[in-house]
Amino acid sequence: MPLKAHNMLVMLKIRLRRVGAKKKPSYRLVVVDARAPRDGASVSIIGHYNPLTDPETVVIDEEEAVKWLDRGAQPTVTAARLLSRAGIKKSKTAKEKA
């Protein structure tokens, strides 16, 4: 179920927020309001991703990720790829409710 703020539904996204120095990107996997800018305020940080290491470093708090997916947060294409690589999907109880 999406969050409510002042009697309005807030659509949530799971996406990457860029952090790190110039020419050395690193990303945080965050839950944000869909209308927020890329590096704007987030609801929760659920992991991080570093594409510069060999192999790429992906650390995701599985419990938090499943919680937000069950609440209706929609991952972007890149976030969905990272989640599936980590083996994270919606819980079975959420699928049964839908």
Protein backbone atom coordinates (compact mmCIF):
# COMPACT_ATOMS: atom_id res chain seq x y z
CA MET A 1 0.00 0.00 0.00
CA PRO A 2 1.50 3.39 -0.95
CA LEU A 3 2.09 5.87 1.86
CA LYS A 4 -0.41 8.67 2.48
CA ALA A 5 0.68 12.24 3.08
CA HIS A 6 -1.98 14.86 3.77
CA ASN A 7 -4.74 12.74 2.22
CA MET A 8 -2.71 12.21 -0.98
CA LEU A 9 -1.16 8.95 -2.13
CA VAL A 10 2.62 9.10 -2.39
CA MET A 11 4.06 6.90 -5.11
CA LEU A 12 7.40 5.49 -4.06
CA LYS A 13 10.32 4.41 -6.21
CA ILE A 14 13.43 2.41 -5.45
CA ARG A 15 16.26 4.01 -7.40
CA LEU A 16 19.93 4.93 -7.32
CA ARG A 17 21.30 8.12 -5.79
CA ARG A 18 24.76 9.15 -7.00
CA VAL A 19 27.41 9.77 -4.37
CA GLY A 20 31.19 9.82 -4.61
CA ALA A 21 33.77 12.09 -6.17
CA LYS A 22 34.00 13.43 -9.69
CA LYS A 23 34.78 10.61 -12.15
CA LYS A 24 34.41 8.05 -9.32
CA PRO A 25 30.71 7.32 -9.01
CA SER A 26 29.21 5.25 -6.26
CA TYR A 27 25.50 4.87 -5.68
CA ARG A 28 23.08 4.36 -2.82
CA LEU A 29 19.93 2.32 -3.36
CA VAL A 30 17.18 4.52 -1.88
CA VAL A 31 13.40 4.65 -1.51
CA VAL A 32 12.10 8.06 -2.62
CA ASP A 33 8.94 9.90 -3.54
CA ALA A 34 8.60 9.47 -7.32
CA ARG A 35 8.51 13.25 -7.80
CA ALA A 36 11.81 13.89 -5.96
CA PRO A 37 14.98 14.78 -7.92
CA ARG A 38 17.73 12.18 -8.36
CA ASP A 39 19.80 13.37 -5.41
CA GLY A 40 16.89 14.79 -3.38
CA ALA A 41 15.52 13.69 0.00
CA SER A 42 14.91 9.99 0.49
CA VAL A 43 12.57 7.97 2.68
CA SER A 44 15.07 5.18 3.35
CA ILE A 45 18.51 3.95 2.28
CA ILE A 46 18.39 0.22 1.61
CA GLY A 47 21.84 -0.47 0.16
CA HIS A 48 24.77 0.69 -1.94
CA TYR A 49 26.38 -0.12 -5.29
CA ASN A 50 29.92 0.52 -6.52
CA PRO A 51 30.42 -0.14 -10.24
CA LEU A 52 34.16 0.63 -10.14
CA THR A 53 35.27 -2.41 -8.14
CA ASP A 54 36.01 -5.70 -9.87
CA PRO A 55 33.55 -7.40 -9.53
CA GLU A 56 30.91 -4.72 -8.86
CA THR A 57 30.01 -4.30 -5.18
CA VAL A 58 26.30 -4.60 -4.39
CA VAL A 59 25.15 -4.56 -0.75
CA ILE A 60 21.39 -4.54 -0.09
CA ASP A 61 19.49 -4.91 3.18
CA GLU A 62 17.14 -7.68 2.01
CA GLU A 63 14.65 -7.24 4.84
CA GLU A 64 14.25 -3.50 4.16
CA ALA A 65 14.04 -4.02 0.39
CA VAL A 66 11.28 -6.63 0.70
CA LYS A 67 9.42 -4.40 3.18
CA TRP A 68 9.37 -1.49 0.71
CA LEU A 69 8.50 -3.71 -2.27
CA ASP A 70 5.57 -5.12 -0.27
CA ARG A 71 4.43 -1.57 0.50
CA GLY A 72 4.23 -0.83 -3.23
CA ALA A 73 7.55 0.85 -4.05
CA GLN A 74 8.36 0.38 -7.75
CA PRO A 75 12.04 -0.19 -8.65
CA THR A 76 13.56 1.53 -11.67
CA VAL A 77 15.05 -0.69 -14.39
CA THR A 78 18.56 -0.45 -12.94
CA ALA A 79 17.38 -0.94 -9.35
CA ALA A 80 15.31 -3.96 -10.43
CA ARG A 81 18.42 -5.45 -12.07
CA LEU A 82 20.43 -5.01 -8.86
CA LEU A 83 17.61 -6.43 -6.72
CA SER A 84 17.20 -9.48 -8.95
CA ARG A 85 20.97 -10.03 -8.99
CA ALA A 86 20.84 -10.09 -5.18
CA GLY A 87 17.90 -12.53 -5.34
CA ILE A 88 15.38 -10.13 -3.77
CA LYS A 89 11.72 -10.34 -4.77
CA LYS A 90 8.37 -9.44 -3.22
CA SER A 91 7.36 -11.71 -0.38
CA LYS A 92 4.86 -14.47 -1.12
CA THR A 93 2.24 -12.97 1.19
CA ALA A 94 2.28 -9.71 -0.77
CA LYS A 95 1.78 -11.61 -4.04
CA GLU A 96 -1.20 -13.47 -2.56
CA LYS A 97 -2.84 -10.19 -1.44
CA ALA A 98 -2.54 -8.64 -4.91
